[in-house]
Amino acid sequence: DLDFQVIMALQQRNSLEIPGVVRLSRDLGAGSLKINPLIPCGRGRRI
C-alpha cells in the first residue's frame, strides 16, 4: 500500500510503448504515470 509513480523517459525507441506502459502501470497499482521527453544533457546528448 505504498503509492508510487511510474516515470517513462521518451525517445524514438520506446515511443510506441506508451499504451503498454499505461496498462502496466494500472495493473501494477501505480497512482500516476509521468512521461518525460529527453533533454540533450549527459548521455542524452548522444541520442
All heavy atoms as atom14 arrays in JSON, in Angstrom:
{
  "sequence": "DLDFQVIMALQQRNSLEIPGVVRLSRDLGAGSLKINPLIPCGRGRRI",
  "atom14_mask": [
    [1, 1, 1, 1, 1, 1, 1, 1, 0, 0, 0, 0, 0, 0],
    [1, 1, 1, 1, 1, 1, 1, 1, 0, 0, 0, 0, 0, 0],
    [1, 1, 1, 1, 1, 1, 1, 1, 0, 0, 0, 0, 0, 0],
    [1, 1, 1, 1, 1, 1, 1, 1, 1, 1, 1, 0, 0, 0],
    [1, 1, 1, 1, 1, 1, 1, 1, 1, 0, 0, 0, 0, 0],
    [1, 1, 1, 1, 1, 1, 1, 0, 0, 0, 0, 0, 0, 0],
    [1, 1, 1, 1, 1, 1, 1, 1, 0, 0, 0, 0, 0, 0],
    [1, 1, 1, 1, 1, 1, 1, 1, 0, 0, 0, 0, 0, 0],
    [1, 1, 1, 1, 1, 0, 0, 0, 0, 0, 0, 0, 0, 0],
    [1, 1, 1, 1, 1, 1, 1, 1, 0, 0, 0, 0, 0, 0],
    [1, 1, 1, 1, 1, 1, 1, 1, 1, 0, 0, 0, 0, 0],
    [1, 1, 1, 1, 1, 1, 1, 1, 1, 0, 0, 0, 0, 0],
    [1, 1, 1, 1, 1, 1, 1, 1, 1, 1, 1, 0, 0, 0],
    [1, 1, 1, 1, 1, 1, 1, 1, 0, 0, 0, 0, 0, 0],
    [1, 1, 1, 1, 1, 1, 0, 0, 0, 0, 0, 0, 0, 0],
    [1, 1, 1, 1, 1, 1, 1, 1, 0, 0, 0, 0, 0, 0],
    [1, 1, 1, 1, 1, 1, 1, 1, 1, 0, 0, 0, 0, 0],
    [1, 1, 1, 1, 1, 1, 1, 1, 0, 0, 0, 0, 0, 0],
    [1, 1, 1, 1, 1, 1, 1, 0, 0, 0, 0, 0, 0, 0],
    [1, 1, 1, 1, 0, 0, 0, 0, 0, 0, 0, 0, 0, 0],
    [1, 1, 1, 1, 1, 1, 1, 0, 0, 0, 0, 0, 0, 0],
    [1, 1, 1, 1, 1, 1, 1, 0, 0, 0, 0, 0, 0, 0],
    [1, 1, 1, 1, 1, 1, 1, 1, 1, 1, 1, 0, 0, 0],
    [1, 1, 1, 1, 1, 1, 1, 1, 0, 0, 0, 0, 0, 0],
    [1, 1, 1, 1, 1, 1, 0, 0, 0, 0, 0, 0, 0, 0],
    [1, 1, 1, 1, 1, 1, 1, 1, 1, 1, 1, 0, 0, 0],
    [1, 1, 1, 1, 1, 1, 1, 1, 0, 0, 0, 0, 0, 0],
    [1, 1, 1, 1, 1, 1, 1, 1, 0, 0, 0, 0, 0, 0],
    [1, 1, 1, 1, 0, 0, 0, 0, 0, 0, 0, 0, 0, 0],
    [1, 1, 1, 1, 1, 0, 0, 0, 0, 0, 0, 0, 0, 0],
    [1, 1, 1, 1, 0, 0, 0, 0, 0, 0, 0, 0, 0, 0],
    [1, 1, 1, 1, 1, 1, 0, 0, 0, 0, 0, 0, 0, 0],
    [1, 1, 1, 1, 1, 1, 1, 1, 0, 0, 0, 0, 0, 0],
    [1, 1, 1, 1, 1, 1, 1, 1, 1, 0, 0, 0, 0, 0],
    [1, 1, 1, 1, 1, 1, 1, 1, 0, 0, 0, 0, 0, 0],
    [1, 1, 1, 1, 1, 1, 1, 1, 0, 0, 0, 0, 0, 0],
    [1, 1, 1, 1, 1, 1, 1, 0, 0, 0, 0, 0, 0, 0],
    [1, 1, 1, 1, 1, 1, 1, 1, 0, 0, 0, 0, 0, 0],
    [1, 1, 1, 1, 1, 1, 1, 1, 0, 0, 0, 0, 0, 0],
    [1, 1, 1, 1, 1, 1, 1, 0, 0, 0, 0, 0, 0, 0],
    [1, 1, 1, 1, 1, 1, 0, 0, 0, 0, 0, 0, 0, 0],
    [1, 1, 1, 1, 0, 0, 0, 0, 0, 0, 0, 0, 0, 0],
    [1, 1, 1, 1, 1, 1, 1, 1, 1, 1, 1, 0, 0, 0],
    [1, 1, 1, 1, 0, 0, 0, 0, 0, 0, 0, 0, 0, 0],
    [1, 1, 1, 1, 1, 1, 1, 1, 1, 1, 1, 0, 0, 0],
    [1, 1, 1, 1, 1, 1, 1, 1, 1, 1, 1, 0, 0, 0],
    [1, 1, 1, 1, 1, 1, 1, 1, 0, 0, 0, 0, 0, 0]
  ],
  "atom14_positions": [
    [[0.81, -1.23, 0.0], [0.0, 0.0, 0.0], [0.84, 1.27, 0.0], [0.47, 2.28, 0.62], [-0.96, 0.01, 1.2], [-1.95, -1.15, 1.16], [-2.45, -1.44, 0.07], [-2.19, -1.76, 2.21], [0.0, 0.0, 0.0], [0.0, 0.0, 0.0], [0.0, 0.0, 0.0], [0.0, 0.0, 0.0], [0.0, 0.0, 0.0], [0.0, 0.0, 0.0]],
    [[1.96, 1.23, -0.68], [2.79, 2.42, -0.85], [2.51, 3.0, -2.24], [2.77, 2.36, -3.25], [4.27, 2.08, -0.7], [4.74, 1.81, 0.74], [6.1, 1.12, 0.74], [4.8, 3.1, 1.53], [0.0, 0.0, 0.0], [0.0, 0.0, 0.0], [0.0, 0.0, 0.0], [0.0, 0.0, 0.0], [0.0, 0.0, 0.0], [0.0, 0.0, 0.0]],
    [[1.97, 4.19, -2.26], [1.65, 4.83, -3.53], [2.93, 5.17, -4.28], [3.9, 5.64, -3.68], [0.84, 6.1, -3.28], [0.37, 6.74, -4.57], [-0.01, 6.0, -5.5], [0.42, 7.98, -4.67], [0.0, 0.0, 0.0], [0.0, 0.0, 0.0], [0.0, 0.0, 0.0], [0.0, 0.0, 0.0], [0.0, 0.0, 0.0], [0.0, 0.0, 0.0]],
    [[2.94, 4.93, -5.58], [4.13, 5.23, -6.36], [3.75, 5.74, -7.75], [2.64, 5.54, -8.23], [5.05, 4.02, -6.48], [4.47, 2.86, -7.25], [4.76, 2.67, -8.59], [3.64, 1.94, -6.61], [4.23, 1.6, -9.29], [3.11, 0.85, -7.3], [3.41, 0.69, -8.65], [0.0, 0.0, 0.0], [0.0, 0.0, 0.0], [0.0, 0.0, 0.0]],
    [[4.71, 6.42, -8.34], [4.57, 6.96, -9.68], [5.54, 6.26, -10.61], [6.69, 5.99, -10.24], [4.87, 8.47, -9.67], [4.82, 9.15, -11.02], [5.22, 10.61, -10.92], [6.4, 10.94, -10.86], [4.23, 11.49, -10.88], [0.0, 0.0, 0.0], [0.0, 0.0, 0.0], [0.0, 0.0, 0.0], [0.0, 0.0, 0.0], [0.0, 0.0, 0.0]],
    [[5.09, 5.94, -11.81], [5.97, 5.4, -12.85], [6.48, 6.58, -13.68], [5.72, 7.48, -14.04], [5.23, 4.4, -13.75], [6.09, 4.01, -14.95], [4.86, 3.15, -12.95], [0.0, 0.0, 0.0], [0.0, 0.0, 0.0], [0.0, 0.0, 0.0], [0.0, 0.0, 0.0], [0.0, 0.0, 0.0], [0.0, 0.0, 0.0], [0.0, 0.0, 0.0]],
    [[7.79, 6.58, -13.95], [8.39, 7.61, -14.81], [8.94, 6.95, -16.07], [9.7, 5.99, -16.0], [9.51, 8.37, -14.09], [8.95, 9.15, -12.9], [10.21, 9.32, -15.04], [9.97, 9.99, -12.18], [0.0, 0.0, 0.0], [0.0, 0.0, 0.0], [0.0, 0.0, 0.0], [0.0, 0.0, 0.0], [0.0, 0.0, 0.0], [0.0, 0.0, 0.0]],
    [[8.53, 7.49, -17.21], [8.96, 6.97, -18.51], [9.74, 8.05, -19.25], [9.27, 9.17, -19.43], [7.74, 6.56, -19.33], [8.05, 5.99, -20.7], [6.5, 5.65, -21.61], [7.15, 4.75, -23.02], [0.0, 0.0, 0.0], [0.0, 0.0, 0.0], [0.0, 0.0, 0.0], [0.0, 0.0, 0.0], [0.0, 0.0, 0.0], [0.0, 0.0, 0.0]],
    [[10.97, 7.75, -19.66], [11.8, 8.68, -20.44], [11.6, 8.37, -21.92], [11.9, 7.27, -22.38], [13.26, 8.55, -20.05], [0.0, 0.0, 0.0], [0.0, 0.0, 0.0], [0.0, 0.0, 0.0], [0.0, 0.0, 0.0], [0.0, 0.0, 0.0], [0.0, 0.0, 0.0], [0.0, 0.0, 0.0], [0.0, 0.0, 0.0], [0.0, 0.0, 0.0]],
    [[11.11, 9.34, -22.67], [10.59, 9.09, -24.01], [11.61, 9.4, -25.1], [12.22, 10.47, -25.12], [9.34, 9.95, -24.22], [8.39, 9.57, -25.35], [7.87, 8.15, -25.18], [7.23, 10.56, -25.39], [0.0, 0.0, 0.0], [0.0, 0.0, 0.0], [0.0, 0.0, 0.0], [0.0, 0.0, 0.0], [0.0, 0.0, 0.0], [0.0, 0.0, 0.0]],
    [[11.79, 8.44, -26.0], [12.64, 8.6, -27.18], [12.05, 7.76, -28.31], [10.99, 7.13, -28.15], [14.07, 8.18, -26.87], [14.2, 6.75, -26.35], [15.63, 6.32, -26.16], [16.33, 6.04, -27.13], [16.08, 6.29, -24.91], [0.0, 0.0, 0.0], [0.0, 0.0, 0.0], [0.0, 0.0, 0.0], [0.0, 0.0, 0.0], [0.0, 0.0, 0.0]],
    [[12.69, 7.76, -29.48], [12.14, 7.01, -30.61], [11.97, 5.53, -30.28], [10.97, 4.91, -30.65], [13.07, 7.15, -31.84], [13.01, 8.51, -32.52], [13.89, 8.55, -33.76], [14.38, 7.52, -34.25], [14.1, 9.75, -34.28], [0.0, 0.0, 0.0], [0.0, 0.0, 0.0], [0.0, 0.0, 0.0], [0.0, 0.0, 0.0], [0.0, 0.0, 0.0]],
    [[12.94, 4.98, -29.58], [12.97, 3.53, -29.35], [11.74, 3.03, -28.58], [11.32, 1.89, -28.76], [14.25, 3.16, -28.6], [14.53, 1.66, -28.58], [15.78, 1.34, -27.78], [16.94, 2.1, -28.23], [18.16, 1.96, -27.71], [18.36, 1.12, -26.72], [19.17, 2.68, -28.16], [0.0, 0.0, 0.0], [0.0, 0.0, 0.0], [0.0, 0.0, 0.0]],
    [[11.18, 3.89, -27.72], [10.06, 3.41, -26.9], [8.77, 4.21, -27.1], [7.85, 4.09, -26.3], [10.44, 3.41, -25.42], [10.71, 4.81, -24.88], [10.83, 5.77, -25.62], [10.81, 4.9, -23.56], [0.0, 0.0, 0.0], [0.0, 0.0, 0.0], [0.0, 0.0, 0.0], [0.0, 0.0, 0.0], [0.0, 0.0, 0.0], [0.0, 0.0, 0.0]],
    [[8.7, 5.02, -28.16], [7.53, 5.88, -28.33], [6.24, 5.09, -28.54], [5.16, 5.56, -28.19], [7.75, 6.85, -29.5], [7.91, 6.14, -30.72], [0.0, 0.0, 0.0], [0.0, 0.0, 0.0], [0.0, 0.0, 0.0], [0.0, 0.0, 0.0], [0.0, 0.0, 0.0], [0.0, 0.0, 0.0], [0.0, 0.0, 0.0], [0.0, 0.0, 0.0]],
    [[6.35, 3.89, -29.11], [5.16, 3.06, -29.32], [4.77, 2.27, -28.07], [3.75, 1.56, -28.06], [5.39, 2.09, -30.48], [5.65, 2.73, -31.85], [5.91, 1.66, -32.9], [4.47, 3.61, -32.27], [0.0, 0.0, 0.0], [0.0, 0.0, 0.0], [0.0, 0.0, 0.0], [0.0, 0.0, 0.0], [0.0, 0.0, 0.0], [0.0, 0.0, 0.0]],
    [[5.56, 2.4, -27.02], [5.33, 1.65, -25.8], [4.37, 2.35, -24.82], [4.02, 1.78, -23.8], [6.66, 1.41, -25.07], [7.61, 0.48, -25.8], [7.14, -0.98, -25.7], [6.97, -1.49, -24.57], [6.94, -1.59, -26.76], [0.0, 0.0, 0.0], [0.0, 0.0, 0.0], [0.0, 0.0, 0.0], [0.0, 0.0, 0.0], [0.0, 0.0, 0.0]],
    [[3.97, 3.58, -25.14], [3.15, 4.34, -24.18], [1.87, 3.59, -23.78], [1.59, 3.45, -22.57], [2.82, 5.74, -24.74], [4.1, 6.58, -24.81], [1.79, 6.44, -23.85], [3.9, 7.96, -25.44], [0.0, 0.0, 0.0], [0.0, 0.0, 0.0], [0.0, 0.0, 0.0], [0.0, 0.0, 0.0], [0.0, 0.0, 0.0], [0.0, 0.0, 0.0]],
    [[1.06, 3.1, -24.71], [-0.16, 2.39, -24.28], [0.15, 1.19, -23.37], [-0.56, 0.95, -22.39], [-0.8, 1.93, -25.59], [-0.29, 2.9, -26.61], [1.12, 3.21, -26.19], [0.0, 0.0, 0.0], [0.0, 0.0, 0.0], [0.0, 0.0, 0.0], [0.0, 0.0, 0.0], [0.0, 0.0, 0.0], [0.0, 0.0, 0.0], [0.0, 0.0, 0.0]],
    [[1.21, 0.46, -23.7], [1.57, -0.69, -22.87], [2.03, -0.27, -21.49], [1.72, -0.95, -20.5], [0.0, 0.0, 0.0], [0.0, 0.0, 0.0], [0.0, 0.0, 0.0], [0.0, 0.0, 0.0], [0.0, 0.0, 0.0], [0.0, 0.0, 0.0], [0.0, 0.0, 0.0], [0.0, 0.0, 0.0], [0.0, 0.0, 0.0], [0.0, 0.0, 0.0]],
    [[2.77, 0.82, -21.38], [3.23, 1.3, -20.08], [2.04, 1.8, -19.26], [2.0, 1.61, -18.04], [4.3, 2.39, -20.25], [4.64, 3.04, -18.91], [5.57, 1.8, -20.86], [0.0, 0.0, 0.0], [0.0, 0.0, 0.0], [0.0, 0.0, 0.0], [0.0, 0.0, 0.0], [0.0, 0.0, 0.0], [0.0, 0.0, 0.0], [0.0, 0.0, 0.0]],
    [[1.06, 2.43, -19.93], [-0.16, 2.84, -19.22], [-0.87, 1.64, -18.61], [-1.24, 1.63, -17.43], [-1.12, 3.61, -20.17], [-2.46, 3.86, -19.48], [-0.5, 4.93, -20.6], [0.0, 0.0, 0.0], [0.0, 0.0, 0.0], [0.0, 0.0, 0.0], [0.0, 0.0, 0.0], [0.0, 0.0, 0.0], [0.0, 0.0, 0.0], [0.0, 0.0, 0.0]],
    [[-1.03, 0.59, -19.42], [-1.7, -0.62, -18.92], [-0.91, -1.27, -17.8], [-1.47, -1.69, -16.78], [-1.91, -1.61, -20.08], [-2.93, -1.19, -21.1], [-3.29, -2.34, -22.03], [-2.12, -2.8, -22.8], [-1.78, -2.3, -23.99], [-2.5, -1.32, -24.53], [-0.74, -2.77, -24.64], [0.0, 0.0, 0.0], [0.0, 0.0, 0.0], [0.0, 0.0, 0.0]],
    [[0.4, -1.35, -17.98], [1.24, -1.99, -16.97], [1.23, -1.18, -15.67], [1.19, -1.75, -14.57], [2.67, -2.13, -17.5], [3.63, -3.03, -16.73], [3.04, -4.41, -16.5], [4.96, -3.15, -17.48], [0.0, 0.0, 0.0], [0.0, 0.0, 0.0], [0.0, 0.0, 0.0], [0.0, 0.0, 0.0], [0.0, 0.0, 0.0], [0.0, 0.0, 0.0]],
    [[1.24, 0.14, -15.78], [1.18, 1.0, -14.6], [-0.13, 0.76, -13.85], [-0.14, 0.68, -12.61], [1.29, 2.47, -15.0], [2.52, 2.74, -15.64], [0.0, 0.0, 0.0], [0.0, 0.0, 0.0], [0.0, 0.0, 0.0], [0.0, 0.0, 0.0], [0.0, 0.0, 0.0], [0.0, 0.0, 0.0], [0.0, 0.0, 0.0], [0.0, 0.0, 0.0]],
    [[-1.2, 0.63, -14.59], [-2.51, 0.35, -13.97], [-2.5, -1.01, -13.29], [-2.92, -1.14, -12.14], [-3.61, 0.4, -15.04], [-5.01, 0.05, -14.52], [-5.95, -0.22, -15.68], [-5.48, -1.37, -16.47], [-5.59, -1.45, -17.8], [-6.11, -0.47, -18.51], [-5.16, -2.53, -18.42], [0.0, 0.0, 0.0], [0.0, 0.0, 0.0], [0.0, 0.0, 0.0]],
    [[-2.0, -2.02, -13.99], [-2.01, -3.38, -13.44], [-1.11, -3.52, -12.21], [-1.39, -4.33, -11.32], [-1.56, -4.38, -14.52], [-2.54, -4.46, -15.68], [-3.69, -3.98, -15.53], [-2.15, -4.97, -16.75], [0.0, 0.0, 0.0], [0.0, 0.0, 0.0], [0.0, 0.0, 0.0], [0.0, 0.0, 0.0], [0.0, 0.0, 0.0], [0.0, 0.0, 0.0]],
    [[-0.05, -2.71, -12.17], [0.87, -2.77, -11.03], [0.41, -1.91, -9.86], [1.01, -1.96, -8.78], [2.27, -2.33, -11.47], [3.01, -3.3, -12.4], [4.21, -2.61, -13.04], [3.46, -4.54, -11.64], [0.0, 0.0, 0.0], [0.0, 0.0, 0.0], [0.0, 0.0, 0.0], [0.0, 0.0, 0.0], [0.0, 0.0, 0.0], [0.0, 0.0, 0.0]],
    [[-0.62, -1.1, -10.09], [-1.17, -0.3, -9.0], [-0.55, 1.07, -8.83], [-0.67, 1.67, -7.75], [0.0, 0.0, 0.0], [0.0, 0.0, 0.0], [0.0, 0.0, 0.0], [0.0, 0.0, 0.0], [0.0, 0.0, 0.0], [0.0, 0.0, 0.0], [0.0, 0.0, 0.0], [0.0, 0.0, 0.0], [0.0, 0.0, 0.0], [0.0, 0.0, 0.0]],
    [[0.1, 1.6, -9.88], [0.7, 2.94, -9.79], [-0.38, 4.0, -9.67], [-1.45, 3.89, -10.3], [1.58, 3.21, -11.01], [0.0, 0.0, 0.0], [0.0, 0.0, 0.0], [0.0, 0.0, 0.0], [0.0, 0.0, 0.0], [0.0, 0.0, 0.0], [0.0, 0.0, 0.0], [0.0, 0.0, 0.0], [0.0, 0.0, 0.0], [0.0, 0.0, 0.0]],
    [[-0.09, 5.04, -8.9], [-1.04, 6.14, -8.77], [-0.98, 7.09, -9.95], [-1.97, 7.76, -10.27], [0.0, 0.0, 0.0], [0.0, 0.0, 0.0], [0.0, 0.0, 0.0], [0.0, 0.0, 0.0], [0.0, 0.0, 0.0], [0.0, 0.0, 0.0], [0.0, 0.0, 0.0], [0.0, 0.0, 0.0], [0.0, 0.0, 0.0], [0.0, 0.0, 0.0]],
    [[0.18, 7.18, -10.6], [0.33, 8.09, -11.72], [1.46, 7.62, -12.62], [2.3, 6.8, -12.24], [0.6, 9.52, -11.24], [1.77, 9.59, -10.45], [0.0, 0.0, 0.0], [0.0, 0.0, 0.0], [0.0, 0.0, 0.0], [0.0, 0.0, 0.0], [0.0, 0.0, 0.0], [0.0, 0.0, 0.0], [0.0, 0.0, 0.0], [0.0, 0.0, 0.0]],
    [[1.45, 8.15, -13.84], [2.5, 7.89, -14.83], [2.99, 9.24, -15.33], [2.19, 10.05, -15.81], [1.96, 7.05, -15.99], [2.83, 6.99, -17.26], [4.16, 6.32, -16.98], [2.08, 6.26, -18.38], [0.0, 0.0, 0.0], [0.0, 0.0, 0.0], [0.0, 0.0, 0.0], [0.0, 0.0, 0.0], [0.0, 0.0, 0.0], [0.0, 0.0, 0.0]],
    [[4.28, 9.49, -15.23], [4.87, 10.74, -15.72], [5.75, 10.42, -16.93], [6.65, 9.57, -16.84], [5.69, 11.41, -14.63], [6.18, 12.8, -14.98], [6.69, 13.5, -13.71], [7.09, 14.95, -14.0], [8.43, 15.04, -14.55], [0.0, 0.0, 0.0], [0.0, 0.0, 0.0], [0.0, 0.0, 0.0], [0.0, 0.0, 0.0], [0.0, 0.0, 0.0]],
    [[5.46, 11.08, -18.04], [6.2, 10.85, -19.27], [7.1, 12.06, -19.52], [6.63, 13.18, -19.66], [5.24, 10.65, -20.46], [4.33, 9.45, -20.2], [6.02, 10.46, -21.75], [3.23, 9.26, -21.23], [0.0, 0.0, 0.0], [0.0, 0.0, 0.0], [0.0, 0.0, 0.0], [0.0, 0.0, 0.0], [0.0, 0.0, 0.0], [0.0, 0.0, 0.0]],
    [[8.41, 11.82, -19.53], [9.4, 12.89, -19.69], [10.08, 12.8, -21.05], [10.76, 11.81, -21.33], [10.48, 12.79, -18.61], [9.95, 13.07, -17.22], [9.0, 13.83, -17.05], [10.58, 12.48, -16.22], [0.0, 0.0, 0.0], [0.0, 0.0, 0.0], [0.0, 0.0, 0.0], [0.0, 0.0, 0.0], [0.0, 0.0, 0.0], [0.0, 0.0, 0.0]],
    [[9.94, 13.81, -21.91], [10.78, 13.85, -23.11], [12.26, 13.98, -22.72], [12.58, 14.55, -21.67], [10.3, 15.12, -23.83], [8.94, 15.39, -23.27], [8.98, 14.91, -21.85], [0.0, 0.0, 0.0], [0.0, 0.0, 0.0], [0.0, 0.0, 0.0], [0.0, 0.0, 0.0], [0.0, 0.0, 0.0], [0.0, 0.0, 0.0], [0.0, 0.0, 0.0]],
    [[13.14, 13.44, -23.52], [14.57, 13.52, -23.21], [15.08, 14.94, -23.35], [14.54, 15.75, -24.11], [15.37, 12.61, -24.15], [15.1, 11.12, -24.1], [16.23, 10.38, -24.83], [14.97, 10.6, -22.7], [0.0, 0.0, 0.0], [0.0, 0.0, 0.0], [0.0, 0.0, 0.0], [0.0, 0.0, 0.0], [0.0, 0.0, 0.0], [0.0, 0.0, 0.0]],
    [[16.14, 15.24, -22.6], [16.83, 16.5, -22.76], [18.26, 16.21, -23.22], [18.84, 15.18, -22.85], [16.83, 17.33, -21.46], [17.46, 16.56, -20.3], [15.41, 17.76, -21.11], [17.58, 17.38, -19.03], [0.0, 0.0, 0.0], [0.0, 0.0, 0.0], [0.0, 0.0, 0.0], [0.0, 0.0, 0.0], [0.0, 0.0, 0.0], [0.0, 0.0, 0.0]],
    [[18.84, 17.1, -24.04], [20.18, 16.84, -24.61], [21.3, 17.15, -23.63], [22.16, 17.99, -23.88], [20.21, 17.76, -25.83], [19.3, 18.88, -25.47], [18.21, 18.29, -24.62], [0.0, 0.0, 0.0], [0.0, 0.0, 0.0], [0.0, 0.0, 0.0], [0.0, 0.0, 0.0], [0.0, 0.0, 0.0], [0.0, 0.0, 0.0], [0.0, 0.0, 0.0]],
    [[21.29, 16.47, -22.5], [22.33, 16.64, -21.48], [22.89, 15.27, -21.12], [22.2, 14.25, -21.25], [21.75, 17.29, -20.23], [21.01, 18.92, -20.49], [0.0, 0.0, 0.0], [0.0, 0.0, 0.0], [0.0, 0.0, 0.0], [0.0, 0.0, 0.0], [0.0, 0.0, 0.0], [0.0, 0.0, 0.0], [0.0, 0.0, 0.0], [0.0, 0.0, 0.0]],
    [[24.12, 15.24, -20.6], [24.71, 13.98, -20.2], [24.73, 12.98, -21.35], [25.08, 13.31, -22.48], [0.0, 0.0, 0.0], [0.0, 0.0, 0.0], [0.0, 0.0, 0.0], [0.0, 0.0, 0.0], [0.0, 0.0, 0.0], [0.0, 0.0, 0.0], [0.0, 0.0, 0.0], [0.0, 0.0, 0.0], [0.0, 0.0, 0.0], [0.0, 0.0, 0.0]],
    [[24.31, 11.76, -21.07], [24.26, 10.74, -22.13], [23.2, 11.06, -23.17], [23.25, 10.54, -24.3], [23.99, 9.38, -21.51], [25.09, 8.88, -20.58], [24.88, 7.41, -20.21], [25.75, 7.04, -19.11], [25.32, 6.59, -17.94], [24.02, 6.45, -17.7], [26.18, 6.28, -16.98], [0.0, 0.0, 0.0], [0.0, 0.0, 0.0], [0.0, 0.0, 0.0]],
    [[22.22, 11.88, -22.8], [21.18, 12.26, -23.75], [21.72, 13.01, -24.96], [21.09, 13.02, -26.03], [0.0, 0.0, 0.0], [0.0, 0.0, 0.0], [0.0, 0.0, 0.0], [0.0, 0.0, 0.0], [0.0, 0.0, 0.0], [0.0, 0.0, 0.0], [0.0, 0.0, 0.0], [0.0, 0.0, 0.0], [0.0, 0.0, 0.0], [0.0, 0.0, 0.0]],
    [[22.89, 13.63, -24.82], [23.48, 14.34, -25.95], [23.69, 13.41, -27.15], [23.46, 13.8, -28.3], [24.83, 14.94, -25.55], [24.76, 16.16, -24.64], [26.17, 16.62, -24.31], [26.19, 17.77, -23.44], [26.15, 19.03, -23.85], [26.07, 19.28, -25.14], [26.19, 20.03, -22.99], [0.0, 0.0, 0.0], [0.0, 0.0, 0.0], [0.0, 0.0, 0.0]],
    [[24.13, 12.19, -26.85], [24.41, 11.25, -27.95], [23.12, 10.88, -28.68], [23.12, 10.74, -29.91], [25.08, 10.0, -27.4], [25.44, 8.99, -28.47], [26.23, 7.83, -27.9], [26.55, 6.86, -28.92], [27.26, 5.76, -28.7], [27.73, 5.51, -27.49], [27.5, 4.92, -29.69], [0.0, 0.0, 0.0], [0.0, 0.0, 0.0], [0.0, 0.0, 0.0]],
    [[22.03, 10.72, -27.93], [20.76, 10.38, -28.56], [20.33, 11.49, -29.53], [19.89, 11.22, -30.65], [19.68, 10.14, -27.49], [20.0, 8.85, -26.73], [18.28, 10.07, -28.11], [19.02, 8.52, -25.63], [0.0, 0.0, 0.0], [0.0, 0.0, 0.0], [0.0, 0.0, 0.0], [0.0, 0.0, 0.0], [0.0, 0.0, 0.0], [0.0, 0.0, 0.0]]
  ]
}
